[in-house]
């Protein structure tokens, strides 16, 4: 870190006691006495201790800089050395360029298939399924490689997070606190840059949808949650945005599965009053729909998803870029999957 950041700005010197200014800021000021040295050592030990509560660390930091120039210098030195120590542990992630290139080619193969107006089951079986299988393997290899690297950086991240919290707290003094007389913002930015290096990058939009889905899906049957999670995993792997769970679409989907099971039919058009089309059923549940997939026979969501993948219309529903919501419902051997823009 540049030497200029370690100098106490003249403006901030006004915040220090007069006795400190007269005795500690002069280039000829005496070295800290034995009492000050002891207080500095004790303060630093408290600040460094991982189990020290945040507010206690903040209070101790103020006590340290109140000692004067020696205390400020000790605090800066602590931050310089701690960040240098952590930086020395940071390793560059392994290159995944070759895997990334394969992933993009396979994604394009699948996207080109979806774009065909006359997409056939044979094309999906002969080209789509092998491409998906290879993509699953390559994507898994890439994610595994990165996950292993960032797992090795977890200890560094675990130390950086409380340090950043500590520095942020010093940047925003409480009502009864004076401005902290050290430019901690510079150190905080350096710590945040290090944290970004040791944290696996994620698509924030995808992360937000998946975290929200965990909360939304808590009251749903496990096999239904598994099916919607599986579809999102496929979409993410294919480079398509994840879908948010729509509980009303789940209600409409389960209702149609129940109707097919109870009335012994298998069709998108229902013979029941007010439920003829998917759009009618979605409206009845209080939402809208842009597509529907149905399947009968398998006992798991994986069976249904594989069957839909190999069926042109269902395939495009599942992996369509325009979809933003999904719902899934199973009753007996009948599965219904619904989508919404």
Protein backbone atom coordinates (compact mmCIF):
# COMPACT_ATOMS: atom_id res chain seq x y z
CA UNK A 1 0.00 0.00 0.00
CA UNK A 2 1.36 3.43 -0.90
CA UNK A 3 3.18 5.29 1.88
CA UNK A 4 0.94 8.33 1.48
CA UNK A 5 -2.01 6.38 2.85
CA UNK A 6 -0.22 5.71 6.09
CA UNK A 7 0.23 9.43 6.90
CA UNK A 8 -2.40 10.99 9.12
CA UNK A 9 -4.12 13.75 7.08
CA UNK A 10 -3.78 17.24 8.58
CA UNK A 11 -7.54 17.67 8.62
CA UNK A 12 -7.92 14.57 10.80
CA UNK A 13 -5.25 15.70 13.23
CA UNK A 14 -7.75 18.21 14.52
CA UNK A 15 -9.73 15.32 15.97
CA UNK A 16 -6.87 14.31 18.28
CA UNK A 17 -6.39 15.75 21.78
CA UNK A 18 -4.17 18.83 22.06
CA UNK A 19 -1.69 16.90 24.17
CA UNK A 20 -1.35 14.33 21.41
CA UNK A 21 -0.78 17.01 18.77
CA UNK A 22 1.95 18.70 20.73
CA UNK A 23 3.73 15.58 21.87
CA UNK A 24 3.23 13.05 19.09
CA UNK A 25 3.01 14.76 15.69
CA UNK A 26 6.38 16.42 15.60
CA UNK A 27 9.06 14.60 13.59
CA UNK A 28 11.23 14.87 16.69
CA UNK A 29 8.59 13.37 19.00
CA UNK A 30 9.92 10.86 21.47
CA UNK A 31 9.29 7.17 21.04
CA UNK A 32 6.30 5.81 22.97
CA UNK A 33 7.05 5.23 26.61
CA UNK A 34 6.73 1.86 28.30
CA UNK A 35 3.12 2.50 29.35
CA UNK A 36 2.10 3.48 25.82
CA UNK A 37 3.88 0.46 24.35
CA UNK A 38 1.99 -1.82 26.72
CA UNK A 39 -1.34 -0.19 25.85
CA UNK A 40 -0.57 -0.52 22.13
CA UNK A 41 0.29 -4.22 22.50
CA UNK A 42 -2.88 -4.92 24.48
CA UNK A 43 -5.06 -3.00 22.00
CA UNK A 44 -3.61 -4.81 19.00
CA UNK A 45 -4.04 -8.18 20.71
CA UNK A 46 -7.72 -7.39 21.31
CA UNK A 47 -8.27 -6.20 17.72
CA UNK A 48 -6.51 -9.22 16.23
CA UNK A 49 -8.41 -11.78 18.33
CA UNK A 50 -11.02 -13.37 16.00
CA UNK A 51 -13.54 -13.85 18.81
CA UNK A 52 -13.51 -10.18 19.84
CA UNK A 53 -17.02 -8.73 19.24
CA UNK A 54 -17.22 -6.06 16.55
CA UNK A 55 -18.14 -3.19 18.87
CA UNK A 56 -15.32 -4.13 21.25
CA UNK A 57 -12.87 -4.06 18.33
CA UNK A 58 -14.16 -0.65 17.29
CA UNK A 59 -13.86 0.76 20.82
CA UNK A 60 -10.35 -0.64 21.14
CA UNK A 61 -9.35 0.87 17.78
CA UNK A 62 -10.44 4.30 19.01
CA UNK A 63 -8.50 3.76 22.22
CA UNK A 64 -5.43 2.80 20.19
CA UNK A 65 -5.40 5.89 17.95
CA UNK A 66 -6.12 8.10 20.98
CA UNK A 67 -2.66 7.18 22.27
CA UNK A 68 -1.29 9.46 19.58
CA UNK A 69 1.02 9.16 16.64
CA UNK A 70 2.45 5.86 17.89
CA UNK A 71 -1.04 4.38 18.19
CA UNK A 72 -2.04 5.54 14.71
CA UNK A 73 1.19 4.15 13.27
CA UNK A 74 0.61 0.83 15.04
CA UNK A 75 -2.93 0.58 13.66
CA UNK A 76 -1.77 1.31 10.10
CA UNK A 77 1.07 -1.19 10.49
CA UNK A 78 -1.41 -3.84 11.71
CA UNK A 79 -3.62 -3.33 8.64
CA UNK A 80 -0.67 -3.31 6.23
CA UNK A 81 0.75 -6.54 7.61
CA UNK A 82 -2.61 -8.30 7.94
CA UNK A 83 -3.60 -7.53 4.35
CA UNK A 84 -0.13 -8.48 3.10
CA UNK A 85 -0.39 -11.79 4.98
CA UNK A 86 -3.79 -12.55 3.45
CA UNK A 87 -2.72 -11.44 -0.01
CA UNK A 88 0.22 -13.85 0.12
CA UNK A 89 -2.26 -16.73 0.54
CA UNK A 90 -4.34 -15.83 -2.51
CA UNK A 91 -3.82 -18.05 -5.54
CA UNK A 92 -5.03 -17.48 -9.07
CA UNK A 93 -7.85 -19.82 -10.15
CA UNK A 94 -6.93 -22.57 -12.61
CA UNK A 95 -7.59 -21.83 -16.26
CA UNK A 96 -10.84 -23.26 -17.58
CA UNK A 97 -10.51 -21.72 -21.05
CA UNK A 98 -10.54 -25.06 -22.90
CA UNK A 99 -13.61 -26.25 -20.97
CA UNK A 100 -15.34 -22.89 -21.48
CA UNK A 101 -14.83 -23.20 -25.23
CA UNK A 102 -16.39 -26.68 -25.27
CA UNK A 103 -19.31 -25.47 -23.16
CA UNK A 104 -20.05 -22.61 -25.56
CA UNK A 105 -19.94 -24.91 -28.59
CA UNK A 106 -22.33 -27.39 -26.98
CA UNK A 107 -24.65 -24.61 -25.86
CA UNK A 108 -24.74 -23.33 -29.44
CA UNK A 109 -25.54 -26.82 -30.74
CA UNK A 110 -28.54 -27.03 -28.42
CA UNK A 111 -29.63 -23.43 -29.10
CA UNK A 112 -29.49 -24.03 -32.86
CA UNK A 113 -31.72 -27.08 -32.44
CA UNK A 114 -34.26 -25.10 -30.41
CA UNK A 115 -34.34 -22.45 -33.12
CA UNK A 116 -35.45 -24.92 -35.81
CA UNK A 117 -39.07 -24.51 -36.86
CA UNK A 118 -39.22 -28.15 -37.94
CA UNK A 119 -37.30 -29.64 -35.01
CA UNK A 120 -37.92 -33.39 -34.84
CA UNK A 121 -37.73 -36.08 -32.18
CA UNK A 122 -35.02 -37.78 -34.22
CA UNK A 123 -32.84 -34.66 -34.15
CA UNK A 124 -33.27 -34.34 -30.41
CA UNK A 125 -32.43 -38.01 -29.91
CA UNK A 126 -29.51 -38.16 -32.34
CA UNK A 127 -27.98 -34.69 -31.75
CA UNK A 128 -29.66 -33.04 -28.77
CA UNK A 129 -29.32 -35.79 -26.18
CA UNK A 130 -25.62 -36.54 -26.92
CA UNK A 131 -24.88 -32.80 -26.79
CA UNK A 132 -26.68 -32.52 -23.45
CA UNK A 133 -24.81 -35.52 -22.03
CA UNK A 134 -21.45 -34.10 -23.12
CA UNK A 135 -22.39 -30.65 -21.83
CA UNK A 136 -23.32 -32.15 -18.47
CA UNK A 137 -19.92 -33.84 -18.21
CA UNK A 138 -17.86 -30.82 -19.33
CA UNK A 139 -19.86 -28.33 -17.29
CA UNK A 140 -19.54 -30.57 -14.23
CA UNK A 141 -15.78 -30.80 -14.75
CA UNK A 142 -15.49 -27.02 -14.98
CA UNK A 143 -17.62 -26.40 -11.91
CA UNK A 144 -15.77 -29.07 -9.95
CA UNK A 145 -12.39 -27.56 -10.82
CA UNK A 146 -13.47 -24.09 -9.72
CA UNK A 147 -15.27 -25.35 -6.63
CA UNK A 148 -12.12 -27.16 -5.48
CA UNK A 149 -9.99 -24.04 -5.97
CA UNK A 150 -12.35 -21.70 -4.11
CA UNK A 151 -12.80 -24.23 -1.32
CA UNK A 152 -9.06 -23.86 -0.79
CA UNK A 153 -9.53 -20.10 -0.52
CA UNK A 154 -12.35 -20.36 2.04
CA UNK A 155 -10.07 -19.71 5.03
CA UNK A 156 -8.85 -16.48 3.49
CA UNK A 157 -12.41 -15.40 2.75
CA UNK A 158 -13.44 -16.21 6.32
CA UNK A 159 -10.77 -13.83 7.63
CA UNK A 160 -11.48 -11.06 5.13
CA UNK A 161 -15.21 -10.85 5.81
CA UNK A 162 -14.98 -9.75 9.49
CA UNK A 163 -12.09 -7.42 8.62
CA UNK A 164 -14.22 -5.69 6.00
CA UNK A 165 -17.11 -5.44 8.47
CA UNK A 166 -14.72 -3.90 11.03
CA UNK A 167 -13.39 -1.33 8.55
CA UNK A 168 -16.88 -0.43 7.35
CA UNK A 169 -17.90 0.19 10.96
CA UNK A 170 -14.93 2.51 11.46
CA UNK A 171 -15.96 4.41 8.31
CA UNK A 172 -19.38 5.15 9.80
CA UNK A 173 -18.90 6.51 13.35
CA UNK A 174 -21.71 6.24 15.86
CA UNK A 175 -23.53 9.29 17.17
CA UNK A 176 -21.10 9.76 20.06
CA UNK A 177 -17.96 8.88 18.07
CA UNK A 178 -15.59 11.21 16.26
CA UNK A 179 -14.46 10.51 12.72
CA UNK A 180 -11.85 7.78 12.84
CA UNK A 181 -8.44 9.42 12.19
CA UNK A 182 -7.17 6.81 9.72
CA UNK A 183 -8.21 6.51 6.04
CA UNK A 184 -9.67 3.01 6.54
CA UNK A 185 -11.64 3.29 3.29
CA UNK A 186 -8.46 2.57 1.34
CA UNK A 187 -7.80 -0.58 3.36
CA UNK A 188 -11.44 -1.64 3.09
CA UNK A 189 -11.34 -1.38 -0.71
CA UNK A 190 -8.17 -3.47 -0.81
CA UNK A 191 -9.76 -6.09 1.43
CA UNK A 192 -12.89 -6.20 -0.77
CA UNK A 193 -10.75 -6.68 -3.88
CA UNK A 194 -9.02 -9.61 -2.18
CA UNK A 195 -12.37 -11.09 -1.15
CA UNK A 196 -13.56 -10.91 -4.75
CA UNK A 197 -10.47 -12.86 -5.82
CA UNK A 198 -11.12 -15.70 -3.35
CA UNK A 199 -14.89 -15.93 -3.92
CA UNK A 200 -16.27 -17.92 -6.84
CA UNK A 201 -18.03 -15.55 -9.26
CA UNK A 202 -21.79 -16.02 -9.55
CA UNK A 203 -24.48 -14.55 -11.76
CA UNK A 204 -26.34 -12.33 -9.29
CA UNK A 205 -29.65 -12.67 -11.15
CA UNK A 206 -29.45 -16.46 -11.09
CA UNK A 207 -28.34 -16.48 -7.46
CA UNK A 208 -31.29 -14.27 -6.49
CA UNK A 209 -33.82 -16.52 -8.28
CA UNK A 210 -32.42 -19.73 -6.77
CA UNK A 211 -32.34 -18.29 -3.25
CA UNK A 212 -35.91 -17.05 -3.62
CA UNK A 213 -36.99 -20.47 -4.92
CA UNK A 214 -35.65 -22.16 -1.78
CA UNK A 215 -38.02 -20.04 0.33
CA UNK A 216 -40.99 -20.33 -2.04
CA UNK A 217 -40.68 -24.10 -2.38
CA UNK A 218 -40.60 -24.93 1.33
CA UNK A 219 -44.24 -26.05 1.42
CA UNK A 220 -44.18 -28.05 -1.82
CA UNK A 221 -43.72 -31.84 -2.18
CA UNK A 222 -40.01 -32.80 -2.37
CA UNK A 223 -40.36 -34.50 -5.77
CA UNK A 224 -41.92 -31.35 -7.23
CA UNK A 225 -39.15 -29.16 -5.81
CA UNK A 226 -36.57 -31.60 -7.16
CA UNK A 227 -38.13 -31.44 -10.62
CA UNK A 228 -38.11 -27.63 -10.76
CA UNK A 229 -34.59 -27.51 -9.39
CA UNK A 230 -33.50 -30.03 -12.01
CA UNK A 231 -34.98 -27.97 -14.82
CA UNK A 232 -33.20 -24.85 -13.58
CA UNK A 233 -29.92 -26.76 -13.40
CA UNK A 234 -30.40 -27.76 -17.05
CA UNK A 235 -31.29 -24.22 -18.09
CA UNK A 236 -28.28 -22.70 -16.31
CA UNK A 237 -26.00 -25.30 -17.87
CA UNK A 238 -27.44 -24.42 -21.28
CA UNK A 239 -26.84 -20.71 -20.67
CA UNK A 240 -30.51 -19.84 -20.13
CA UNK A 241 -31.87 -17.84 -17.19
CA UNK A 242 -33.28 -19.78 -14.22
CA UNK A 243 -37.05 -19.76 -13.64
CA UNK A 244 -38.77 -18.45 -10.55
CA UNK A 245 -41.26 -20.80 -8.87
CA UNK A 246 -44.84 -19.60 -9.25
CA UNK A 247 -47.00 -21.26 -6.59
CA UNK A 248 -50.16 -20.48 -8.55
CA UNK A 249 -48.74 -22.25 -11.60
CA UNK A 250 -47.90 -25.17 -9.29
CA UNK A 251 -51.52 -25.17 -8.14
CA UNK A 252 -52.81 -25.17 -11.72
CA UNK A 253 -50.33 -27.90 -12.72
CA UNK A 254 -51.23 -30.15 -9.81
CA UNK A 255 -54.92 -29.59 -10.49
CA UNK A 256 -54.58 -30.73 -14.08
CA UNK A 257 -52.57 -33.79 -13.03
CA UNK A 258 -55.27 -34.63 -10.48
CA UNK A 259 -58.00 -34.21 -13.12
CA UNK A 260 -56.21 -36.48 -15.59
CA UNK A 261 -55.62 -39.09 -12.87
CA UNK A 262 -59.21 -39.01 -11.61
CA UNK A 263 -60.95 -38.80 -14.98
CA UNK A 264 -58.74 -41.14 -16.95
CA UNK A 265 -57.64 -38.80 -19.76
CA UNK A 266 -54.29 -37.49 -21.00
CA UNK A 267 -54.48 -34.22 -22.94
CA UNK A 268 -53.82 -30.49 -22.74
CA UNK A 269 -57.53 -29.89 -23.32
CA UNK A 270 -59.58 -30.88 -20.30
CA UNK A 271 -63.21 -32.04 -20.48
CA UNK A 272 -63.93 -30.36 -17.13
CA UNK A 273 -65.94 -27.10 -17.10
CA UNK A 274 -63.83 -23.94 -16.80
CA UNK A 275 -60.57 -25.88 -17.18
CA UNK A 276 -60.47 -26.58 -20.89
CA UNK A 277 -57.11 -24.97 -21.78
CA UNK A 278 -53.87 -24.35 -19.86
CA UNK A 279 -54.71 -20.64 -19.99
CA UNK A 280 -58.12 -21.32 -18.40
CA UNK A 281 -56.49 -23.36 -15.64
CA UNK A 282 -53.82 -20.74 -15.00
CA UNK A 283 -56.46 -18.00 -14.81
CA UNK A 284 -58.53 -20.10 -12.42
CA UNK A 285 -55.45 -20.31 -10.15
CA UNK A 286 -55.00 -16.54 -10.34
CA UNK A 287 -52.07 -16.30 -12.76
CA UNK A 288 -51.15 -16.55 -16.45
CA UNK A 289 -49.37 -19.21 -18.49
CA UNK A 290 -47.27 -19.30 -21.65
CA UNK A 291 -46.91 -23.05 -22.06
CA UNK A 292 -47.69 -26.48 -20.62
CA UNK A 293 -46.02 -29.91 -20.68
CA UNK A 294 -47.72 -33.13 -19.60
CA UNK A 295 -46.32 -36.60 -19.01
CA UNK A 296 -47.65 -39.90 -17.73
CA UNK A 297 -45.89 -43.09 -16.72
CA UNK A 298 -42.68 -42.34 -14.82
CA UNK A 299 -42.49 -42.07 -11.07
CA UNK A 300 -39.74 -39.41 -10.90
CA UNK A 301 -39.28 -35.88 -12.18
CA UNK A 302 -36.17 -37.05 -14.04
CA UNK A 303 -38.32 -39.41 -16.15
CA UNK A 304 -40.67 -36.58 -17.04
CA UNK A 305 -37.91 -34.08 -17.86
CA UNK A 306 -36.09 -36.56 -20.11
CA UNK A 307 -39.30 -37.33 -21.99
CA UNK A 308 -40.03 -33.61 -22.45
CA UNK A 309 -36.46 -32.97 -23.60
CA UNK A 310 -36.93 -35.46 -26.45
CA UNK A 311 -40.27 -33.96 -27.55
CA UNK A 312 -39.89 -30.83 -29.79
CA UNK A 313 -42.73 -28.72 -28.41
CA UNK A 314 -42.10 -29.67 -24.80
CA UNK A 315 -38.35 -29.19 -25.32
CA UNK A 316 -38.84 -25.60 -26.49
CA UNK A 317 -41.15 -24.90 -23.55
CA UNK A 318 -38.57 -26.10 -21.04
CA UNK A 319 -35.58 -24.27 -22.50
CA UNK A 320 -37.30 -21.23 -23.97
CA UNK A 321 -35.43 -18.00 -23.20
CA UNK A 322 -38.69 -16.07 -22.89
CA UNK A 323 -39.95 -18.02 -19.90
CA UNK A 324 -39.48 -16.50 -16.44
CA UNK A 325 -41.76 -18.63 -14.20
CA UNK A 326 -42.46 -22.31 -13.72
CA UNK A 327 -44.85 -24.58 -11.85
CA UNK A 328 -44.89 -28.35 -11.52
CA UNK A 329 -47.47 -30.75 -10.12
CA UNK A 330 -47.78 -34.54 -9.88
CA UNK A 331 -50.67 -36.77 -8.90
CA UNK A 332 -50.22 -40.53 -9.32
CA UNK A 333 -48.47 -41.18 -12.60
CA UNK A 334 -49.43 -37.83 -14.14
CA UNK A 335 -47.04 -34.86 -14.27
CA UNK A 336 -47.92 -31.34 -15.45
CA UNK A 337 -45.35 -28.61 -15.98
CA UNK A 338 -46.48 -25.02 -16.64
CA UNK A 339 -44.60 -21.90 -17.66
CA UNK A 340 -45.18 -18.16 -17.62
CA UNK A 341 -43.52 -15.11 -19.14
